[in-house]
C-alpha atoms as a PDB file:
ATOM      1  CA  MET A   1      87.175 106.684 102.411  1.00  0.00           C
ATOM      2  CA  SER A   2      85.665 103.710 104.173  1.00  0.00           C
ATOM      3  CA  PHE A   3      88.407 101.340 102.826  1.00  0.00           C
ATOM      4  CA  VAL A   4      91.093 103.576 104.615  1.00  0.00           C
ATOM      5  CA  TRP A   5      89.402 103.069 107.975  1.00  0.00           C
ATOM      6  CA  LYS A   6      89.125  99.380 107.208  1.00  0.00           C
ATOM      7  CA  ARG A   7      92.774  99.175 106.372  1.00  0.00           C
ATOM      8  CA  PHE A   8      93.629 101.171 109.587  1.00  0.00           C
ATOM      9  CA  LEU A   9      91.524  99.053 111.846  1.00  0.00           C
ATOM     10  CA  GLY A  10      93.091  96.044 110.259  1.00  0.00           C
ATOM     11  CA  THR A  11      96.422  97.014 111.486  1.00  0.00           C
ATOM     12  CA  VAL A  12      95.416  97.269 115.086  1.00  0.00           C
ATOM     13  CA  PRO A  13      95.820  93.414 115.830  1.00  0.00           C
ATOM     14  CA  THR A  14      99.270  93.502 114.002  1.00  0.00           C
ATOM     15  CA  LEU A  15     100.424  96.559 116.133  1.00  0.00           C
ATOM     16  CA  PHE A  16      99.264  94.640 119.331  1.00  0.00           C
ATOM     17  CA  GLY A  17     101.215  91.651 118.258  1.00  0.00           C
ATOM     18  CA  ILE A  18     104.244  93.853 117.637  1.00  0.00           C
ATOM     19  CA  VAL A  19     103.794  95.354 121.204  1.00  0.00           C
ATOM     20  CA  VAL A  20     103.915  91.704 122.682  1.00  0.00           C
ATOM     21  CA  ILE A  21     106.714  90.561 120.628  1.00  0.00           C
ATOM     22  CA  THR A  22     108.851  93.585 121.150  1.00  0.00           C
ATOM     23  CA  PHE A  23     108.323  93.365 125.024  1.00  0.00           C
ATOM     24  CA  MET A  24     109.445  89.697 125.024  1.00  0.00           C
ATOM     25  CA  LEU A  25     112.336  90.067 122.583  1.00  0.00           C
ATOM     26  CA  SER A  26     113.675  93.202 124.610  1.00  0.00           C
ATOM     27  CA  HIS A  27     113.827  91.041 127.690  1.00  0.00           C
ATOM     28  CA  ALA A  28     115.757  88.476 125.863  1.00  0.00           C
ATOM     29  CA  LEU A  29     118.726  90.967 125.432  1.00  0.00           C
ATOM     30  CA  PRO A  30     121.952  89.912 126.942  1.00  0.00           C
ATOM     31  CA  GLY A  31     123.033  91.649 130.023  1.00  0.00           C
ATOM     32  CA  ASP A  32     121.418  93.188 132.993  1.00  0.00           C
ATOM     33  CA  PRO A  33     120.276  96.801 132.520  1.00  0.00           C
ATOM     34  CA  ALA A  34     120.297  97.336 136.330  1.00  0.00           C
ATOM     35  CA  ALA A  35     123.818  96.446 136.502  1.00  0.00           C
ATOM     36  CA  TYR A  36     124.739  98.660 133.477  1.00  0.00           C
ATOM     37  CA  PHE A  37     122.698 101.637 134.971  1.00  0.00           C
ATOM     38  CA  ALA A  38     124.451 101.117 138.367  1.00  0.00           C
ATOM     39  CA  GLY A  39     127.901 101.050 136.856  1.00  0.00           C
ATOM     40  CA  PRO A  40     131.002  98.752 137.325  1.00  0.00           C
ATOM     41  CA  ALA A  41     131.686  99.700 140.893  1.00  0.00           C
ATOM     42  CA  ALA A  42     128.169  99.073 142.179  1.00  0.00           C
ATOM     43  CA  ASN A  43     127.470  96.123 144.800  1.00  0.00           C
ATOM     44  CA  ALA A  44     124.748  93.752 144.822  1.00  0.00           C
ATOM     45  CA  GLU A  45     122.598  95.754 147.130  1.00  0.00           C
ATOM     46  CA  SER A  46     122.580  99.004 144.793  1.00  0.00           C
ATOM     47  CA  ILE A  47     121.847  96.748 141.821  1.00  0.00           C
ATOM     48  CA  ALA A  48     118.894  95.315 143.540  1.00  0.00           C
ATOM     49  CA  GLN A  49     117.514  98.801 144.494  1.00  0.00           C
ATOM     50  CA  ILE A  50     117.880  99.961 140.839  1.00  0.00           C
ATOM     51  CA  ARG A  51     116.349  96.790 139.600  1.00  0.00           C
ATOM     52  CA  THR A  52     113.351  97.573 141.907  1.00  0.00           C
ATOM     53  CA  SER A  53     113.127 101.326 140.854  1.00  0.00           C
ATOM     54  CA  LEU A  54     112.948 100.153 137.253  1.00  0.00           C
ATOM     55  CA  GLY A  55     110.330  97.590 138.017  1.00  0.00           C
ATOM     56  CA  LEU A  56     112.465  94.705 136.861  1.00  0.00           C
ATOM     57  CA  ASP A  57     111.735  92.854 139.965  1.00  0.00           C
ATOM     58  CA  LYS A  58     108.028  92.220 138.950  1.00  0.00           C
ATOM     59  CA  SER A  59     106.777  89.365 137.153  1.00  0.00           C
ATOM     60  CA  LEU A  60     106.729  89.570 133.337  1.00  0.00           C
ATOM     61  CA  PRO A  61     102.900  90.140 133.080  1.00  0.00           C
ATOM     62  CA  ALA A  62     103.121  92.858 135.479  1.00  0.00           C
ATOM     63  CA  GLN A  63     105.816  94.573 133.743  1.00  0.00           C
ATOM     64  CA  PHE A  64     103.783  94.072 130.367  1.00  0.00           C
ATOM     65  CA  PHE A  65     100.693  95.626 131.739  1.00  0.00           C
ATOM     66  CA  LYS A  66     102.530  98.489 133.196  1.00  0.00           C
ATOM     67  CA  TYR A  67     104.376  98.903 129.755  1.00  0.00           C
ATOM     68  CA  VAL A  68     101.022  98.798 127.953  1.00  0.00           C
ATOM     69  CA  GLY A  69      99.627 101.520 130.313  1.00  0.00           C
ATOM     70  CA  ASP A  70     102.634 103.704 129.701  1.00  0.00           C
ATOM     71  CA  LEU A  71     102.109 103.339 126.187  1.00  0.00           C
ATOM     72  CA  ALA A  72      98.619 104.516 126.245  1.00  0.00           C
ATOM     73  CA  HIS A  73      99.756 107.722 128.011  1.00  0.00           C
ATOM     74  CA  GLY A  74     102.564 108.203 125.352  1.00  0.00           C
ATOM     75  CA  ASP A  75     105.356 107.220 127.724  1.00  0.00           C
ATOM     76  CA  LEU A  76     107.917 105.110 125.994  1.00  0.00           C
ATOM     77  CA  GLY A  77     110.149 104.942 129.178  1.00  0.00           C
ATOM     78  CA  THR A  78     113.541 106.659 129.649  1.00  0.00           C
ATOM     79  CA  SER A  79     116.729 105.407 127.922  1.00  0.00           C
ATOM     80  CA  LEU A  80     119.475 104.159 130.277  1.00  0.00           C
ATOM     81  CA  THR A  81     122.210 105.307 127.891  1.00  0.00           C
ATOM     82  CA  THR A  82     121.156 108.810 127.304  1.00  0.00           C
ATOM     83  CA  GLY A  83     118.937 109.633 130.432  1.00  0.00           C
ATOM     84  CA  GLN A  84     116.415 111.178 128.294  1.00  0.00           C
ATOM     85  CA  PRO A  85     112.810 110.156 127.584  1.00  0.00           C
ATOM     86  CA  VAL A  86     112.868 107.681 124.663  1.00  0.00           C
ATOM     87  CA  LEU A  87     110.191 109.521 122.808  1.00  0.00           C
ATOM     88  CA  VAL A  88     112.372 112.647 122.819  1.00  0.00           C
ATOM     89  CA  ASP A  89     115.528 110.818 121.643  1.00  0.00           C
ATOM     90  CA  LEU A  90     113.440 109.168 118.774  1.00  0.00           C
ATOM     91  CA  ALA A  91     111.841 112.497 117.734  1.00  0.00           C
ATOM     92  CA  THR A  92     115.366 114.172 117.673  1.00  0.00           C
ATOM     93  CA  ARG A  93     117.133 111.518 115.660  1.00  0.00           C
ATOM     94  CA  LEU A  94     114.189 110.421 113.381  1.00  0.00           C
ATOM     95  CA  PRO A  95     114.559 113.387 110.950  1.00  0.00           C
ATOM     96  CA  ALA A  96     118.190 112.677 110.296  1.00  0.00           C
ATOM     97  CA  SER A  97     117.176 108.896 109.219  1.00  0.00           C
ATOM     98  CA  ILE A  98     114.144 110.262 106.970  1.00  0.00           C
ATOM     99  CA  GLU A  99     116.527 112.717 105.352  1.00  0.00           C
ATOM    100  CA  LEU A 100     119.034 110.151 104.466  1.00  0.00           C
ATOM    101  CA  THR A 101     116.393 107.637 103.545  1.00  0.00           C
ATOM    102  CA  LEU A 102     114.593 110.073 101.297  1.00  0.00           C
ATOM    103  CA  CYS A 103     117.674 111.272  99.516  1.00  0.00           C
ATOM    104  CA  ALA A 104     118.814 107.744  98.922  1.00  0.00           C
ATOM    105  CA  LEU A 105     115.378 106.943  97.427  1.00  0.00           C
ATOM    106  CA  LEU A 106     115.423 109.969  95.117  1.00  0.00           C
ATOM    107  CA  PHE A 107     118.835 108.811  93.871  1.00  0.00           C
ATOM    108  CA  ALA A 108     117.636 105.332  93.271  1.00  0.00           C
ATOM    109  CA  VAL A 109     114.523 106.627  91.514  1.00  0.00           C
ATOM    110  CA  GLY A 110     116.384 109.040  89.373  1.00  0.00           C
ATOM    111  CA  ILE A 111     118.477 106.475  88.004  1.00  0.00           C
ATOM    112  CA  ALA A 112     116.570 103.238  88.192  1.00  0.00           C
ATOM    113  CA  MET A 113     113.249 104.515  86.491  1.00  0.00           C
ATOM    114  CA  PRO A 114     114.906 105.923  83.379  1.00  0.00           C
ATOM    115  CA  MET A 115     117.091 102.915  83.076  1.00  0.00           C
ATOM    116  CA  GLY A 116     113.869 100.727  83.351  1.00  0.00           C
ATOM    117  CA  LEU A 117     112.039 102.663  80.875  1.00  0.00           C
ATOM    118  CA  LEU A 118     114.919 102.550  78.328  1.00  0.00           C
ATOM    119  CA  ALA A 119     115.396  98.886  78.787  1.00  0.00           C
ATOM    120  CA  ALA A 120     111.590  98.268  78.264  1.00  0.00           C
ATOM    121  CA  THR A 121     111.615 100.273  74.962  1.00  0.00           C
ATOM    122  CA  ARG A 122     114.494  98.292  73.555  1.00  0.00           C
ATOM    123  CA  PRO A 123     113.984  94.665  75.087  1.00  0.00           C
ATOM    124  CA  ASP A 124     116.862  92.142  74.430  1.00  0.00           C
ATOM    125  CA  SER A 125     119.019  95.010  72.786  1.00  0.00           C
ATOM    126  CA  ALA A 126     122.586  95.763  74.022  1.00  0.00           C
ATOM    127  CA  LEU A 127     121.111  98.643  75.972  1.00  0.00           C
ATOM    128  CA  ASP A 128     118.761  96.324  77.792  1.00  0.00           C
ATOM    129  CA  HIS A 129     121.570  93.965  78.676  1.00  0.00           C
ATOM    130  CA  PHE A 130     123.628  96.899  79.781  1.00  0.00           C
ATOM    131  CA  CYS A 131     120.980  98.270  82.084  1.00  0.00           C
ATOM    132  CA  ARG A 132     120.168  94.843  83.575  1.00  0.00           C
ATOM    133  CA  GLY A 133     123.983  94.235  83.988  1.00  0.00           C
ATOM    134  CA  THR A 134     124.725  97.457  85.637  1.00  0.00           C
ATOM    135  CA  ILE A 135     121.625  97.192  88.083  1.00  0.00           C
ATOM    136  CA  THR A 136     122.726  93.636  89.002  1.00  0.00           C
ATOM    137  CA  VAL A 137     126.261  94.670  89.733  1.00  0.00           C
ATOM    138  CA  SER A 138     125.155  97.798  91.802  1.00  0.00           C
ATOM    139  CA  SER A 139     123.022  95.596  94.088  1.00  0.00           C
ATOM    140  CA  ALA A 140     125.487  92.731  94.560  1.00  0.00           C
ATOM    141  CA  PHE A 141     127.625  94.415  97.236  1.00  0.00           C
ATOM    142  CA  PRO A 142     126.569  95.001 100.911  1.00  0.00           C
ATOM    143  CA  THR A 143     125.772  98.584 101.704  1.00  0.00           C
ATOM    144  CA  PHE A 144     128.352  98.921 104.296  1.00  0.00           C
ATOM    145  CA  PHE A 145     131.116  97.725 101.761  1.00  0.00           C
ATOM    146  CA  VAL A 146     129.900 100.312  99.186  1.00  0.00           C
ATOM    147  CA  GLY A 147     130.025 102.948 101.936  1.00  0.00           C
ATOM    148  CA  LEU A 148     133.639 102.078 103.003  1.00  0.00           C
ATOM    149  CA  LEU A 149     134.647 101.824  99.428  1.00  0.00           C
ATOM    150  CA  LEU A 150     133.323 105.394  98.622  1.00  0.00           C
ATOM    151  CA  VAL A 151     134.924 106.915 101.646  1.00  0.00           C
ATOM    152  CA  PHE A 152     138.265 105.315 100.576  1.00  0.00           C
ATOM    153  CA  VAL A 153     138.027 106.628  96.971  1.00  0.00           C
ATOM    154  CA  PHE A 154     136.515 110.072  97.315  1.00  0.00           C
ATOM    155  CA  TYR A 155     137.699 111.043 100.879  1.00  0.00           C
ATOM    156  CA  PHE A 156     141.095 109.393 101.432  1.00  0.00           C
ATOM    157  CA  SER A 157     142.323 108.858  97.801  1.00  0.00           C
ATOM    158  CA  LEU A 158     140.760 111.815  95.819  1.00  0.00           C
ATOM    159  CA  ASP A 159     139.794 114.080  98.678  1.00  0.00           C
ATOM    160  CA  TRP A 160     136.602 115.196  96.823  1.00  0.00           C
ATOM    161  CA  SER A 161     134.332 114.421  99.734  1.00  0.00           C
ATOM    162  CA  PRO A 162     134.356 116.003 103.124  1.00  0.00           C
ATOM    163  CA  GLN A 163     135.363 113.912 106.403  1.00  0.00           C
ATOM    164  CA  PRO A 164     132.596 111.452 107.211  1.00  0.00           C
ATOM    165  CA  VAL A 165     131.726 112.807 110.687  1.00  0.00           C
ATOM    166  CA  GLY A 166     127.931 112.719 110.508  1.00  0.00           C
ATOM    167  CA  ARG A 167     125.441 115.146 109.314  1.00  0.00           C
ATOM    168  CA  LEU A 168     127.648 118.234 109.772  1.00  0.00           C
ATOM    169  CA  ASN A 169     131.211 118.979 110.629  1.00  0.00           C
ATOM    170  CA  GLU A 170     130.235 120.830 113.867  1.00  0.00           C
ATOM    171  CA  MET A 171     134.037 121.891 114.250  1.00  0.00           C
ATOM    172  CA  LEU A 172     133.576 124.320 111.271  1.00  0.00           C
ATOM    173  CA  TYR A 173     129.777 124.943 111.166  1.00  0.00           C
ATOM    174  CA  SER A 174     126.905 125.231 113.741  1.00  0.00           C
ATOM    175  CA  PRO A 175     123.680 123.262 113.035  1.00  0.00           C
ATOM    176  CA  PRO A 176     120.866 125.373 111.680  1.00  0.00           C
ATOM    177  CA  VAL A 177     118.050 126.374 113.977  1.00  0.00           C
ATOM    178  CA  ARG A 178     115.634 123.300 114.206  1.00  0.00           C
ATOM    179  CA  VAL A 179     112.506 123.498 112.200  1.00  0.00           C
ATOM    180  CA  THR A 180     112.013 120.285 110.357  1.00  0.00           C
ATOM    181  CA  GLY A 181     114.997 118.536 111.855  1.00  0.00           C
ATOM    182  CA  SER A 182     116.568 118.157 108.287  1.00  0.00           C
ATOM    183  CA  TYR A 183     119.793 120.078 108.146  1.00  0.00           C
ATOM    184  CA  VAL A 184     119.387 120.790 104.425  1.00  0.00           C
ATOM    185  CA  VAL A 185     115.976 121.935 104.651  1.00  0.00           C
ATOM    186  CA  ASP A 186     116.432 124.061 107.907  1.00  0.00           C
ATOM    187  CA  SER A 187     119.578 125.613 106.596  1.00  0.00           C
ATOM    188  CA  VAL A 188     117.490 126.850 103.334  1.00  0.00           C
ATOM    189  CA  ILE A 189     114.848 128.203 105.892  1.00  0.00           C
ATOM    190  CA  ALA A 190     117.531 130.117 107.838  1.00  0.00           C
ATOM    191  CA  GLY A 191     119.143 131.325 104.756  1.00  0.00           C
ATOM    192  CA  ASP A 192     122.463 130.032 105.758  1.00  0.00           C
ATOM    193  CA  PHE A 193     123.714 128.592 102.425  1.00  0.00           C
ATOM    194  CA  ASN A 194     127.287 127.762 103.716  1.00  0.00           C
ATOM    195  CA  VAL A 195     125.591 125.139 106.118  1.00  0.00           C
ATOM    196  CA  PHE A 196     123.389 124.013 103.391  1.00  0.00           C
ATOM    197  CA  ARG A 197     126.336 123.164 100.995  1.00  0.00           C
ATOM    198  CA  ALA A 198     128.205 121.604 103.992  1.00  0.00           C
ATOM    199  CA  SER A 199     125.210 119.424 105.099  1.00  0.00           C
ATOM    200  CA  LEU A 200     124.594 118.596 101.376  1.00  0.00           C
ATOM    201  CA  ALA A 201     128.034 117.562 100.777  1.00  0.00           C
ATOM    202  CA  GLN A 202     127.918 115.341 103.982  1.00  0.00           C
ATOM    203  CA  LEU A 203     124.706 113.685 102.577  1.00  0.00           C
ATOM    204  CA  ILE A 204     125.928 112.726  99.190  1.00  0.00           C
ATOM    205  CA  LEU A 205     128.116 109.646  99.856  1.00  0.00           C
ATOM    206  CA  PRO A 206     125.539 107.986 102.393  1.00  0.00           C
ATOM    207  CA  SER A 207     122.648 108.595 100.075  1.00  0.00           C
ATOM    208  CA  ILE A 208     124.631 106.881  97.258  1.00  0.00           C
ATOM    209  CA  SER A 209     125.763 104.071  99.194  1.00  0.00           C
ATOM    210  CA  LEU A 210     122.219 103.332 100.536  1.00  0.00           C
ATOM    211  CA  GLY A 211     120.500 104.083  97.233  1.00  0.00           C
ATOM    212  CA  LEU A 212     122.594 101.823  95.098  1.00  0.00           C
ATOM    213  CA  PHE A 213     121.078  98.869  96.828  1.00  0.00           C
ATOM    214  CA  ALA A 214     117.657 100.057  95.972  1.00  0.00           C
ATOM    215  CA  LEU A 215     118.260 100.413  92.187  1.00  0.00           C
ATOM    216  CA  ALA A 216     117.576  96.724  91.379  1.00  0.00           C
ATOM    217  CA  PRO A 217     113.998  96.370  92.528  1.00  0.00           C
ATOM    218  CA  ILE A 218     112.865  99.751  91.167  1.00  0.00           C
ATOM    219  CA  ALA A 219     114.453  99.190  87.870  1.00  0.00           C
ATOM    220  CA  ARG A 220     113.276  95.760  87.385  1.00  0.00           C
ATOM    221  CA  ILE A 221     109.535  96.495  88.402  1.00  0.00           C
ATOM    222  CA  THR A 222     109.823  99.549  86.026  1.00  0.00           C
ATOM    223  CA  ARG A 223     111.019  97.507  83.185  1.00  0.00           C
ATOM    224  CA  ALA A 224     108.525  94.636  83.607  1.00  0.00           C
ATOM    225  CA  SER A 225     105.481  97.098  84.154  1.00  0.00           C
ATOM    226  CA  MET A 226     106.466  99.043  81.044  1.00  0.00           C
ATOM    227  CA  LEU A 227     107.003  95.869  78.901  1.00  0.00           C
ATOM    228  CA  ALA A 228     103.376  94.640  79.968  1.00  0.00           C
ATOM    229  CA  ALA A 229     101.864  98.145  79.292  1.00  0.00           C
ATOM    230  CA  LEU A 230     103.515  98.416  75.809  1.00  0.00           C
ATOM    231  CA  GLU A 231     102.175  95.084  74.911  1.00  0.00           C
ATOM    232  CA  ALA A 232      98.631  95.799  76.087  1.00  0.00           C
ATOM    233  CA  ASP A 233      95.703  96.271  73.726  1.00  0.00           C
ATOM    234  CA  PHE A 234      95.225  99.910  74.703  1.00  0.00           C
ATOM    235  CA  THR A 235      98.753 100.724  73.534  1.00  0.00           C
ATOM    236  CA  ARG A 236      98.229  98.858  70.297  1.00  0.00           C
ATOM    237  CA  THR A 237      95.167 100.834  69.682  1.00  0.00           C
ATOM    238  CA  ALA A 238      96.974 104.102  70.329  1.00  0.00           C
ATOM    239  CA  ARG A 239      99.717 103.131  68.040  1.00  0.00           C
ATOM    240  CA  ALA A 240      97.305 102.147  65.313  1.00  0.00           C
ATOM    241  CA  GLY A 241      95.557 105.574  65.800  1.00  0.00           C
ATOM    242  CA  GLY A 242      98.843 107.180  64.748  1.00  0.00           C
ATOM    243  CA  LEU A 243      99.864 108.676  68.098  1.00  0.00           C
ATOM    244  CA  SER A 244     103.452 109.686  68.573  1.00  0.00           C
ATOM    245  CA  GLY A 245     105.847 107.381  70.276  1.00  0.00           C
ATOM    246  CA  ARG A 246     106.427 109.773  73.145  1.00  0.00           C
ATOM    247  CA  THR A 247     102.725 110.050  73.729  1.00  0.00           C
ATOM    248  CA  ILE A 248     102.163 106.384  73.880  1.00  0.00           C
ATOM    249  CA  LEU A 249     105.082 105.795  76.057  1.00  0.00           C
ATOM    250  CA  MET A 250     104.405 108.533  78.638  1.00  0.00           C
ATOM    251  CA  THR A 251     100.701 108.995  78.389  1.00  0.00           C
ATOM    252  CA  TYR A 252      99.434 105.458  77.972  1.00  0.00           C
ATOM    253  CA  ALA A 253     102.160 103.020  79.008  1.00  0.00           C
ATOM    254  CA  PHE A 254     103.806 104.847  81.800  1.00  0.00           C
ATOM    255  CA  ARG A 255     100.579 105.902  83.701  1.00  0.00           C
ATOM    256  CA  ASN A 256      99.241 102.388  83.512  1.00  0.00           C
ATOM    257  CA  ALA A 257     102.834 100.934  84.805  1.00  0.00           C
ATOM    258  CA  LEU A 258     102.624 103.405  87.773  1.00  0.00           C
ATOM    259  CA  LEU A 259     100.698 101.257  90.042  1.00  0.00           C
ATOM    260  CA  PRO A 260     103.028  98.383  90.544  1.00  0.00           C
ATOM    261  CA  ILE A 261     105.829 101.065  90.595  1.00  0.00           C
ATOM    262  CA  ALA A 262     104.231 103.041  93.513  1.00  0.00           C
ATOM    263  CA  ASN A 263     103.810  99.873  95.369  1.00  0.00           C
ATOM    264  CA  ILE A 264     107.513  98.799  95.129  1.00  0.00           C
ATOM    265  CA  LEU A 265     108.497 102.399  96.004  1.00  0.00           C
ATOM    266  CA  GLY A 266     106.594 102.003  99.331  1.00  0.00           C
ATOM    267  CA  MET A 267     108.418  98.817 100.098  1.00  0.00           C
ATOM    268  CA  VAL A 268     111.694  99.971  99.152  1.00  0.00           C
ATOM    269  CA  PHE A 269     111.326 103.153 101.354  1.00  0.00           C
ATOM    270  CA  SER A 270     110.369 100.738 104.381  1.00  0.00           C
ATOM    271  CA  PHE A 271     113.521  98.646 103.427  1.00  0.00           C
ATOM    272  CA  LEU A 272     115.775 101.724 103.274  1.00  0.00           C
ATOM    273  CA  LEU A 273     114.624 103.311 106.491  1.00  0.00           C
ATOM    274  CA  GLY A 274     115.106  99.971 108.390  1.00  0.00           C
ATOM    275  CA  SER A 275     118.513  98.925 106.754  1.00  0.00           C
ATOM    276  CA  ASN A 276     120.262 102.291 107.142  1.00  0.00           C
ATOM    277  CA  VAL A 277     121.806 101.100 110.306  1.00  0.00           C
ATOM    278  CA  LEU A 278     124.970 100.052 108.808  1.00  0.00           C
ATOM    279  CA  ILE A 279     125.245 103.263 106.743  1.00  0.00           C
ATOM    280  CA  GLU A 280     124.802 105.305 109.814  1.00  0.00           C
ATOM    281  CA  GLN A 281     127.517 103.495 111.459  1.00  0.00           C
ATOM    282  CA  VAL A 282     129.949 104.025 108.612  1.00  0.00           C
ATOM    283  CA  PHE A 283     129.409 107.822 108.356  1.00  0.00           C
ATOM    284  CA  GLY A 284     128.647 108.592 111.875  1.00  0.00           C
ATOM    285  CA  TRP A 285     125.106 109.586 111.012  1.00  0.00           C
ATOM    286  CA  GLN A 286     123.058 110.559 113.997  1.00  0.00           C
ATOM    287  CA  GLY A 287     120.021 108.763 113.172  1.00  0.00           C
ATOM    288  CA  VAL A 288     117.638 106.293 114.825  1.00  0.00           C
ATOM    289  CA  GLY A 289     119.678 103.207 113.485  1.00  0.00           C
ATOM    290  CA  ALA A 290     122.701 104.352 115.316  1.00  0.00           C
ATOM    291  CA  TYR A 291     120.664 104.937 118.438  1.00  0.00           C
ATOM    292  CA  ALA A 292     119.167 101.387 118.087  1.00  0.00           C
ATOM    293  CA  VAL A 293     122.529  99.803 117.930  1.00  0.00           C
ATOM    294  CA  SER A 294     123.753 101.585 120.931  1.00  0.00           C
ATOM    295  CA  ALA A 295     120.468 100.659 122.835  1.00  0.00           C
ATOM    296  CA  VAL A 296     120.978  96.908 121.894  1.00  0.00           C
ATOM    297  CA  LEU A 297     124.606  96.837 122.962  1.00  0.00           C
ATOM    298  CA  ALA A 298     123.771  98.392 126.246  1.00  0.00           C
ATOM    299  CA  SER A 299     120.527  96.256 126.881  1.00  0.00           C
ATOM    300  CA  ASP A 300     118.517  99.384 127.045  1.00  0.00           C
ATOM    301  CA  TYR A 301     115.068  97.814 127.009  1.00  0.00           C
ATOM    302  CA  ALA A 302     112.952 101.040 126.715  1.00  0.00           C
ATOM    303  CA  ALA A 303     115.138 102.393 123.783  1.00  0.00           C
ATOM    304  CA  VAL A 304     114.893  99.159 121.974  1.00  0.00           C
ATOM    305  CA  GLN A 305     111.103  98.789 122.540  1.00  0.00           C
ATOM    306  CA  GLY A 306     110.657 102.399 121.451  1.00  0.00           C
ATOM    307  CA  PHE A 307     112.603 102.007 118.278  1.00  0.00           C
ATOM    308  CA  VAL A 308     110.709  98.759 117.159  1.00  0.00           C
ATOM    309  CA  LEU A 309     107.396 100.302 117.908  1.00  0.00           C
ATOM    310  CA  MET A 310     108.221 103.553 116.016  1.00  0.00           C
ATOM    311  CA  MET A 311     109.473 101.566 113.027  1.00  0.00           C
ATOM    312  CA  ALA A 312     106.327  99.479 113.098  1.00  0.00           C
ATOM    313  CA  LEU A 313     104.043 102.402 113.372  1.00  0.00           C
ATOM    314  CA  LEU A 314     106.011 104.126 110.362  1.00  0.00           C
ATOM    315  CA  TYR A 315     105.587 100.946 108.399  1.00  0.00           C
ATOM    316  CA  THR A 316     101.996 100.705 109.116  1.00  0.00           C
ATOM    317  CA  LEU A 317     101.386 104.397 108.052  1.00  0.00           C
ATOM    318  CA  LEU A 318     103.514 104.069 104.888  1.00  0.00           C
ATOM    319  CA  ASN A 319     101.487 100.981 103.701  1.00  0.00           C
ATOM    320  CA  LEU A 320      98.315 102.880 104.240  1.00  0.00           C
ATOM    321  CA  THR A 321      99.738 105.935 102.235  1.00  0.00           C
ATOM    322  CA  VAL A 322     100.774 103.443  99.408  1.00  0.00           C
ATOM    323  CA  ASP A 323      97.127 101.996  99.459  1.00  0.00           C
ATOM    324  CA  VAL A 324      95.569 105.652  99.219  1.00  0.00           C
ATOM    325  CA  ALA A 325      98.099 106.630  96.537  1.00  0.00           C
ATOM    326  CA  SER A 326      97.260 103.361  94.486  1.00  0.00           C
ATOM    327  CA  THR A 327      93.432 104.311  94.432  1.00  0.00           C
ATOM    328  CA  LEU A 328      94.499 107.754  93.212  1.00  0.00           C
ATOM    329  CA  ILE A 329      96.584 106.314  90.435  1.00  0.00           C
ATOM    330  CA  ASP A 330      93.893 103.909  89.500  1.00  0.00           C
ATOM    331  CA  PRO A 331      90.485 104.447  90.933  1.00  0.00           C
ATOM    332  CA  ARG A 332      89.315 100.963  90.023  1.00  0.00           C
ATOM    333  CA  VAL A 333      91.695  99.584  92.849  1.00  0.00           C
ATOM    334  CA  ARG A 334      90.054  98.985  96.077  1.00  0.00           C
ATOM    335  CA  PHE A 335      91.513  97.138  99.213  1.00  0.00           C
ATOM    336  CA  GLU A 336      88.348  95.546 100.415  1.00  0.00           C
ATOM    337  CA  GLY A 337      89.757  92.296 101.371  1.00  0.00           C
END
């Protein structure tokens, strides 16, 4: 596992660069956080006092070293908008975003991979053109437009979907006891299947809205990888040996196509986790995306810095996980470079 440590240590300069860039960008946000924290009725003296208490009157290098020192102790600061420690806010909201992202990825994989397999087995056929056309159309529209369209059709027009009020309509149901932070999982653990059905119903439309955009890259890489595997020498040898088409397709071709598919899944998950901001706004989802938007609008430096650092750390860990999974899929793969 030495390559894992090499990959992990290789991310340290990247993370340090992200800390520096995040610190500088957060100070470029419009507005004065001291004035926002003091309120509209505050005078110049009270604003100056608050600026001093927040440490904003110090030089940028002094603020940066204090910020790095706080990070070393696990302190991401206090949010100006919620009054809570940023780490607590992120830990509370992150499970909601991960729940939405995972469901969107499962939806995309469940449709894109079978379509890619079917298209690869019949290249240039009517089925192949239909699959590619469907994938292209599904990814041609912005996620927020798809979300608004689904809300209009399935909630306002057909009344098939519940009101888009977030993860759960708390006027009708109480959230389950927090174990994992996922309402769907926690309701099953608590044995409350009414809350399970209600939270799952709230999850369907945002997952579809977010997952449709991920169909294209997954389906295309699946089709391309399967085409390459089906034309490889080992597949021709298996076919000449009289093996069944299903065995050749799933045992030989699909297993060898898994490596690029696993790599693209890691990239797509990272993309979905970072791009669910608009979907969270459309559906009132209480995730880290909505939290980040509120922080930017309020010039909440600590919240913005915490969000960016958390996302960078998640991306780093995800890329490391994909690298480890790649070596399990194909032991010949090593990331020594």
